[in-house]
Protein backbone atom coordinates (compact mmCIF):
# COMPACT_ATOMS: atom_id res chain seq x y z
CA MET A 1 -3.51 -19.93 2.19
CA ASN A 2 -3.57 -16.38 3.42
CA ILE A 3 -7.06 -14.98 3.96
CA HIS A 4 -5.73 -11.47 3.30
CA PRO A 5 -4.67 -11.35 -0.36
CA VAL A 6 -3.81 -7.65 -0.05
CA GLY A 7 -0.96 -8.60 2.26
CA GLU A 8 0.31 -11.12 -0.27
CA ILE A 9 0.09 -8.56 -3.06
CA LEU A 10 2.02 -6.03 -1.00
CA ASP A 11 4.70 -8.68 -0.38
CA ASN A 12 5.14 -9.26 -4.14
CA GLN A 13 8.41 -7.43 -4.79
CA VAL A 14 8.34 -8.10 -8.53
CA LEU A 15 4.93 -6.49 -8.87
CA LEU A 16 5.77 -3.52 -6.65
CA ILE A 17 9.07 -2.78 -8.39
CA ALA A 18 7.41 -3.10 -11.82
CA LEU A 19 4.69 -0.63 -10.76
CA CYS A 20 7.32 1.71 -9.32
CA SER A 21 9.19 1.52 -12.65
CA SER A 22 6.08 2.73 -14.45
CA LEU A 23 5.54 5.48 -11.88
CA THR A 24 9.20 6.54 -12.16
CA ALA A 25 8.84 6.81 -15.95
CA GLN A 26 5.78 9.04 -15.51
CA LEU A 27 7.63 11.24 -13.01
CA LEU A 28 10.60 11.51 -15.36
CA LYS A 29 8.24 12.86 -18.03
CA LEU A 30 7.46 15.76 -15.70
CA PHE A 31 11.15 16.62 -15.27
CA ILE A 32 11.92 16.15 -18.97
CA GLU A 33 9.11 18.55 -19.86
CA LEU A 34 10.44 21.02 -17.29
CA ALA A 35 13.92 20.83 -18.83
CA GLN A 36 12.60 21.16 -22.40
CA PHE A 37 9.92 23.80 -22.01
CA ARG A 38 10.77 25.49 -18.68
CA ARG A 39 7.31 24.81 -17.29
CA VAL A 40 5.69 22.36 -14.91
CA ARG A 41 2.61 20.70 -16.33
CA PHE A 42 1.29 18.08 -13.90
CA LYS A 43 -1.14 16.81 -16.53
CA VAL A 44 1.80 14.99 -18.14
CA LEU A 45 1.73 12.56 -15.18
CA PHE A 46 -1.56 11.14 -16.48
CA GLU A 47 -0.91 11.23 -20.24
CA THR A 48 0.21 8.45 -22.53
CA GLY A 49 3.14 8.88 -24.88
CA GLY A 50 6.32 10.79 -24.23
CA MET A 51 9.80 10.00 -22.95
CA PRO A 52 10.32 7.44 -21.46
CA SER A 53 7.57 4.91 -22.10
CA SER A 54 5.99 3.91 -18.80
CA HIS A 55 4.35 0.91 -20.48
CA SER A 56 7.76 -0.34 -21.59
CA ALA A 57 9.25 0.29 -18.15
CA LEU A 58 6.44 -1.71 -16.54
CA VAL A 59 6.55 -4.78 -18.78
CA SER A 60 10.35 -4.87 -19.03
CA ALA A 61 10.67 -4.70 -15.26
CA LEU A 62 8.03 -7.42 -14.90
CA ALA A 63 9.78 -9.79 -17.33
CA THR A 64 13.14 -9.13 -15.68
CA GLY A 65 11.73 -9.76 -12.22
CA ILE A 66 10.13 -13.01 -13.32
CA GLY A 67 13.37 -14.11 -14.95
CA ARG A 68 15.35 -13.33 -11.80
CA THR A 69 12.92 -15.01 -9.40
CA GLN A 70 11.47 -17.90 -11.41
CA GLY A 71 14.38 -18.59 -13.75
CA TRP A 72 15.33 -17.48 -17.23
CA ASP A 73 14.32 -20.85 -18.71
CA THR A 74 10.79 -21.02 -17.27
CA PRO A 75 7.46 -20.75 -19.04
CA GLN A 76 6.61 -17.79 -16.76
CA PHE A 77 9.58 -15.82 -18.11
CA ALA A 78 8.65 -16.77 -21.67
CA ILE A 79 5.07 -15.54 -21.16
CA ALA A 80 6.22 -12.28 -19.56
CA THR A 81 8.75 -11.65 -22.33
CA VAL A 82 6.27 -12.26 -25.14
CA PHE A 83 3.76 -10.03 -23.32
CA ALA A 84 6.44 -7.31 -22.99
CA PHE A 85 7.29 -7.43 -26.70
CA ILE A 86 3.62 -7.21 -27.67
CA VAL A 87 3.08 -4.18 -25.42
CA MET A 88 6.21 -2.43 -26.69
CA TYR A 89 5.42 -3.20 -30.33
CA ASP A 90 1.92 -1.83 -29.82
CA ALA A 91 3.24 1.33 -28.13
CA ALA A 92 5.69 2.11 -30.93
CA GLY A 93 3.58 0.83 -33.80
CA ILE A 94 -0.17 0.71 -33.62
CA ARG A 95 -0.77 3.39 -30.97
CA ARG A 96 1.76 5.72 -32.60
CA ALA A 97 0.03 5.30 -35.97
CA ALA A 98 -3.34 6.02 -34.34
CA GLY A 99 -1.89 9.22 -32.91
CA LYS A 100 -0.68 10.31 -36.33
CA GLN A 101 -4.12 9.64 -37.79
CA ALA A 102 -5.74 11.67 -35.01
CA LYS A 103 -3.47 14.61 -35.87
CA VAL A 104 -4.51 14.48 -39.53
CA LEU A 105 -8.19 14.20 -38.65
CA ASN A 106 -7.95 17.16 -36.29
CA GLN A 107 -6.30 19.20 -39.04
CA ILE A 108 -9.01 18.23 -41.54
CA MET A 109 -11.75 19.29 -39.13
CA VAL A 110 -10.19 22.73 -38.77
CA GLU A 111 -9.09 23.37 -42.36
CA VAL A 112 -11.84 21.71 -44.38
CA PHE A 113 -14.90 21.93 -42.19
CA GLU A 114 -13.83 25.02 -40.21
CA GLU A 115 -15.56 23.52 -37.21
CA GLU A 116 -14.92 23.84 -33.53
CA HIS A 117 -14.68 20.35 -32.11
CA ASP A 118 -13.17 18.41 -29.27
CA PRO A 119 -9.85 17.37 -30.82
CA LEU A 120 -8.87 13.72 -30.85
CA LYS A 121 -5.96 12.80 -28.63
CA GLU A 122 -2.79 12.87 -30.73
CA LEU A 123 -0.07 11.74 -28.33
CA LEU A 124 -0.93 8.06 -28.00
CA GLY A 125 2.18 6.07 -28.80
CA HIS A 126 5.93 6.24 -28.52
CA THR A 127 8.96 6.55 -30.72
CA PRO A 128 11.31 3.56 -30.70
CA ALA A 129 13.76 5.61 -28.59
CA GLN A 130 11.07 6.23 -25.96
CA VAL A 131 10.27 2.51 -25.86
CA VAL A 132 13.96 1.56 -25.52
CA ALA A 133 14.47 4.18 -22.78
CA GLY A 134 11.48 2.83 -20.86
CA SER A 135 12.76 -0.72 -21.21
CA ILE A 136 16.21 0.21 -19.95
CA LEU A 137 14.63 2.04 -17.02
CA GLY A 138 12.44 -0.94 -16.07
CA ILE A 139 15.22 -3.52 -16.39
CA THR A 140 17.64 -1.34 -14.43
CA LEU A 141 15.24 -0.64 -11.57
CA MET A 142 14.29 -4.33 -11.27
CA TRP A 143 17.95 -5.34 -11.31
CA LEU A 144 18.83 -2.77 -8.64
CA PHE A 145 15.97 -3.35 -6.21
CA LEU A 146 15.19 -7.08 -6.45
């Protein structure tokens, strides 16, 4: 047993590549926003939502890495895959619906109550295309670097 778990964590290629997949997705959001709106807004690096889904990149890379290292027929791969589907379903379903509700509530506060307020965060979830793009990114990066 290693008395320095940080060293073991840093040797975990599956974990590091999965985290890099998520980081890559966040960085891509910056360049996509630059291409779309001709502006650099670094805040996008710390926001949820947008293209591609960093959550989907992370969990897809993780499941792929576990499949490649532990085997595609192992309980570990099954757990990681189910976890990935739950995260991606949540990103495109529940969190997206919550974002739509926040938009309506913000509009009601302005139009009905004519109040200044701190608006609720509206960009919470992802479209199915953003989830698929994140998944493809995560799987591809894990396949290339593991």
